[in-house]
Amino acid sequence: MDVQTWRHPGGVVLVVTGELDLGTAPRFEEALEQAQRAESDRVVLDLTAVTFLGSSGLSALVRANARSAGNGLGVVMTADTSIRRPLEVTGLDTVLPLYETVDAAFDARPL
């Protein structure tokens, strides 16, 4: 798993690639917590290149969403992504703010 961070005019984007599982979730969560502490604007997670989303990754998303109550969190994924099923099974697709593109997340146009 790799996490790249870049600035967007509306906040910060974390681009995550690879598998988000027990072994990689701590690194993901650390990068996300750091972005949320430093960023006063929106934090958007681009998960379009995530190939596997395990329970540890799901838990990290839940905690991130809880921390973002004031600043806003956006989660970007495509409609045919492999991570859609875990989000649906757990009901997180109804809790997390999901978007198809980074620009839609900053414009707040939900999936």
C-alpha atoms as a PDB file:
ATOM      1  CA  MET A   1       0.000   0.000   0.000  1.00  0.00           C
ATOM      2  CA  ASP A   2       1.152   3.512  -0.766  1.00  0.00           C
ATOM      3  CA  VAL A   3      -0.283   6.867   0.303  1.00  0.00           C
ATOM      4  CA  GLN A   4       0.525  10.043  -1.615  1.00  0.00           C
ATOM      5  CA  THR A   5      -0.627  13.432  -0.353  1.00  0.00           C
ATOM      6  CA  TRP A   6      -1.227  16.477  -2.514  1.00  0.00           C
ATOM      7  CA  ARG A   7      -2.771  19.897  -2.060  1.00  0.00           C
ATOM      8  CA  HIS A   8      -6.011  20.858  -3.728  1.00  0.00           C
ATOM      9  CA  PRO A   9      -7.430  24.395  -3.649  1.00  0.00           C
ATOM     10  CA  GLY A  10     -10.189  23.120  -1.326  1.00  0.00           C
ATOM     11  CA  GLY A  11      -8.016  21.045   1.010  1.00  0.00           C
ATOM     12  CA  VAL A  12      -5.822  17.978   0.781  1.00  0.00           C
ATOM     13  CA  VAL A  13      -6.087  14.682  -1.102  1.00  0.00           C
ATOM     14  CA  LEU A  14      -4.672  11.357   0.051  1.00  0.00           C
ATOM     15  CA  VAL A  15      -4.283   8.976  -2.886  1.00  0.00           C
ATOM     16  CA  VAL A  16      -4.179   5.389  -1.633  1.00  0.00           C
ATOM     17  CA  THR A  17      -3.026   2.492  -3.821  1.00  0.00           C
ATOM     18  CA  GLY A  18      -2.827  -1.225  -3.126  1.00  0.00           C
ATOM     19  CA  GLU A  19      -4.343  -3.279  -0.330  1.00  0.00           C
ATOM     20  CA  LEU A  20      -5.779  -1.699   2.800  1.00  0.00           C
ATOM     21  CA  ASP A  21      -5.645  -4.505   5.346  1.00  0.00           C
ATOM     22  CA  LEU A  22      -4.328  -5.431   8.799  1.00  0.00           C
ATOM     23  CA  GLY A  23      -0.731  -4.906   7.753  1.00  0.00           C
ATOM     24  CA  THR A  24      -1.189  -1.572   5.991  1.00  0.00           C
ATOM     25  CA  ALA A  25      -4.059   0.060   7.909  1.00  0.00           C
ATOM     26  CA  PRO A  26      -1.816   1.550  10.642  1.00  0.00           C
ATOM     27  CA  ARG A  27       0.283   3.394   8.039  1.00  0.00           C
ATOM     28  CA  PHE A  28      -2.884   4.557   6.270  1.00  0.00           C
ATOM     29  CA  GLU A  29      -4.458   5.751   9.494  1.00  0.00           C
ATOM     30  CA  GLU A  30      -1.291   7.595  10.537  1.00  0.00           C
ATOM     31  CA  ALA A  31      -1.188   9.486   7.226  1.00  0.00           C
ATOM     32  CA  LEU A  32      -4.888  10.250   7.489  1.00  0.00           C
ATOM     33  CA  GLU A  33      -4.700  11.449  11.098  1.00  0.00           C
ATOM     34  CA  GLN A  34      -1.755  13.670  10.209  1.00  0.00           C
ATOM     35  CA  ALA A  35      -3.683  15.200   7.299  1.00  0.00           C
ATOM     36  CA  GLN A  36      -6.768  15.750   9.431  1.00  0.00           C
ATOM     37  CA  ARG A  37      -4.769  17.447  12.207  1.00  0.00           C
ATOM     38  CA  ALA A  38      -2.918  19.734   9.814  1.00  0.00           C
ATOM     39  CA  GLU A  39      -5.773  20.546   7.467  1.00  0.00           C
ATOM     40  CA  SER A  40      -8.394  23.133   8.281  1.00  0.00           C
ATOM     41  CA  ASP A  41     -10.250  22.455   5.037  1.00  0.00           C
ATOM     42  CA  ARG A  42     -11.617  19.242   3.539  1.00  0.00           C
ATOM     43  CA  VAL A  43      -9.668  15.971   3.451  1.00  0.00           C
ATOM     44  CA  VAL A  44     -10.469  13.725   0.501  1.00  0.00           C
ATOM     45  CA  LEU A  45      -9.421  10.081   0.269  1.00  0.00           C
ATOM     46  CA  ASP A  46      -8.935   8.862  -3.282  1.00  0.00           C
ATOM     47  CA  LEU A  47      -9.451   5.100  -2.985  1.00  0.00           C
ATOM     48  CA  THR A  48      -9.906   4.416  -6.707  1.00  0.00           C
ATOM     49  CA  ALA A  49      -6.646   2.405  -6.804  1.00  0.00           C
ATOM     50  CA  VAL A  50      -7.322   0.355  -3.649  1.00  0.00           C
ATOM     51  CA  THR A  51      -7.509  -3.309  -4.642  1.00  0.00           C
ATOM     52  CA  PHE A  52      -8.614  -4.770  -1.296  1.00  0.00           C
ATOM     53  CA  LEU A  53     -10.393  -3.256   1.702  1.00  0.00           C
ATOM     54  CA  GLY A  54     -10.275  -5.386   4.843  1.00  0.00           C
ATOM     55  CA  SER A  55     -11.874  -4.896   8.243  1.00  0.00           C
ATOM     56  CA  SER A  56      -8.886  -2.907   9.551  1.00  0.00           C
ATOM     57  CA  GLY A  57      -9.217  -0.496   6.647  1.00  0.00           C
ATOM     58  CA  LEU A  58     -12.960  -0.210   7.223  1.00  0.00           C
ATOM     59  CA  SER A  59     -12.336   0.581  10.902  1.00  0.00           C
ATOM     60  CA  ALA A  60      -9.820   3.268   9.941  1.00  0.00           C
ATOM     61  CA  LEU A  61     -12.431   4.857   7.663  1.00  0.00           C
ATOM     62  CA  VAL A  62     -15.023   4.857  10.454  1.00  0.00           C
ATOM     63  CA  ARG A  63     -12.598   6.570  12.851  1.00  0.00           C
ATOM     64  CA  ALA A  64     -11.586   9.097  10.205  1.00  0.00           C
ATOM     65  CA  ASN A  65     -15.215   9.927   9.504  1.00  0.00           C
ATOM     66  CA  ALA A  66     -15.861  10.448  13.232  1.00  0.00           C
ATOM     67  CA  ARG A  67     -12.848  12.775  13.520  1.00  0.00           C
ATOM     68  CA  SER A  68     -13.915  14.802  10.485  1.00  0.00           C
ATOM     69  CA  ALA A  69     -17.294  15.947  11.793  1.00  0.00           C
ATOM     70  CA  GLY A  70     -16.317  19.618  11.553  1.00  0.00           C
ATOM     71  CA  ASN A  71     -13.988  19.670   8.552  1.00  0.00           C
ATOM     72  CA  GLY A  72     -15.582  17.183   6.208  1.00  0.00           C
ATOM     73  CA  LEU A  73     -14.235  13.995   4.741  1.00  0.00           C
ATOM     74  CA  GLY A  74     -14.740  12.794   1.206  1.00  0.00           C
ATOM     75  CA  VAL A  75     -14.132   9.279  -0.090  1.00  0.00           C
ATOM     76  CA  VAL A  76     -13.557   8.852  -3.819  1.00  0.00           C
ATOM     77  CA  MET A  77     -14.206   5.522  -5.497  1.00  0.00           C
ATOM     78  CA  THR A  78     -15.534   4.399  -8.841  1.00  0.00           C
ATOM     79  CA  ALA A  79     -18.831   2.587  -9.256  1.00  0.00           C
ATOM     80  CA  ASP A  80     -17.160  -0.695 -10.261  1.00  0.00           C
ATOM     81  CA  THR A  81     -14.412  -0.707  -7.641  1.00  0.00           C
ATOM     82  CA  SER A  82     -13.568  -3.805  -5.611  1.00  0.00           C
ATOM     83  CA  ILE A  83     -14.042  -1.878  -2.363  1.00  0.00           C
ATOM     84  CA  ARG A  84     -17.717  -1.171  -2.988  1.00  0.00           C
ATOM     85  CA  ARG A  85     -18.858  -4.566  -1.657  1.00  0.00           C
ATOM     86  CA  PRO A  86     -17.223  -4.262   1.804  1.00  0.00           C
ATOM     87  CA  LEU A  87     -18.714  -0.782   2.170  1.00  0.00           C
ATOM     88  CA  GLU A  88     -22.173  -2.037   1.218  1.00  0.00           C
ATOM     89  CA  VAL A  89     -22.057  -5.132   3.445  1.00  0.00           C
ATOM     90  CA  THR A  90     -21.100  -3.045   6.475  1.00  0.00           C
ATOM     91  CA  GLY A  91     -23.511  -0.214   5.660  1.00  0.00           C
ATOM     92  CA  LEU A  92     -20.674   2.292   5.422  1.00  0.00           C
ATOM     93  CA  ASP A  93     -21.813   3.274   1.946  1.00  0.00           C
ATOM     94  CA  THR A  94     -24.701   5.063   3.685  1.00  0.00           C
ATOM     95  CA  VAL A  95     -22.477   6.707   6.315  1.00  0.00           C
ATOM     96  CA  LEU A  96     -19.375   7.797   4.427  1.00  0.00           C
ATOM     97  CA  PRO A  97     -19.639  10.656   1.947  1.00  0.00           C
ATOM     98  CA  LEU A  98     -18.828   8.867  -1.357  1.00  0.00           C
ATOM     99  CA  TYR A  99     -17.883  10.562  -4.631  1.00  0.00           C
ATOM    100  CA  GLU A 100     -16.821   9.433  -8.115  1.00  0.00           C
ATOM    101  CA  THR A 101     -14.055  12.023  -8.565  1.00  0.00           C
ATOM    102  CA  VAL A 102     -11.835  14.236  -6.458  1.00  0.00           C
ATOM    103  CA  ASP A 103     -13.407  17.340  -7.981  1.00  0.00           C
ATOM    104  CA  ALA A 104     -16.900  16.062  -7.123  1.00  0.00           C
ATOM    105  CA  ALA A 105     -15.756  15.520  -3.524  1.00  0.00           C
ATOM    106  CA  PHE A 106     -14.597  19.107  -3.252  1.00  0.00           C
ATOM    107  CA  ASP A 107     -17.744  20.338  -4.986  1.00  0.00           C
ATOM    108  CA  ALA A 108     -19.770  18.043  -2.646  1.00  0.00           C
ATOM    109  CA  ARG A 109     -21.592  16.172  -5.426  1.00  0.00           C
ATOM    110  CA  PRO A 110     -22.215  12.726  -3.877  1.00  0.00           C
ATOM    111  CA  LEU A 111     -22.126   9.431  -5.741  1.00  0.00           C
END
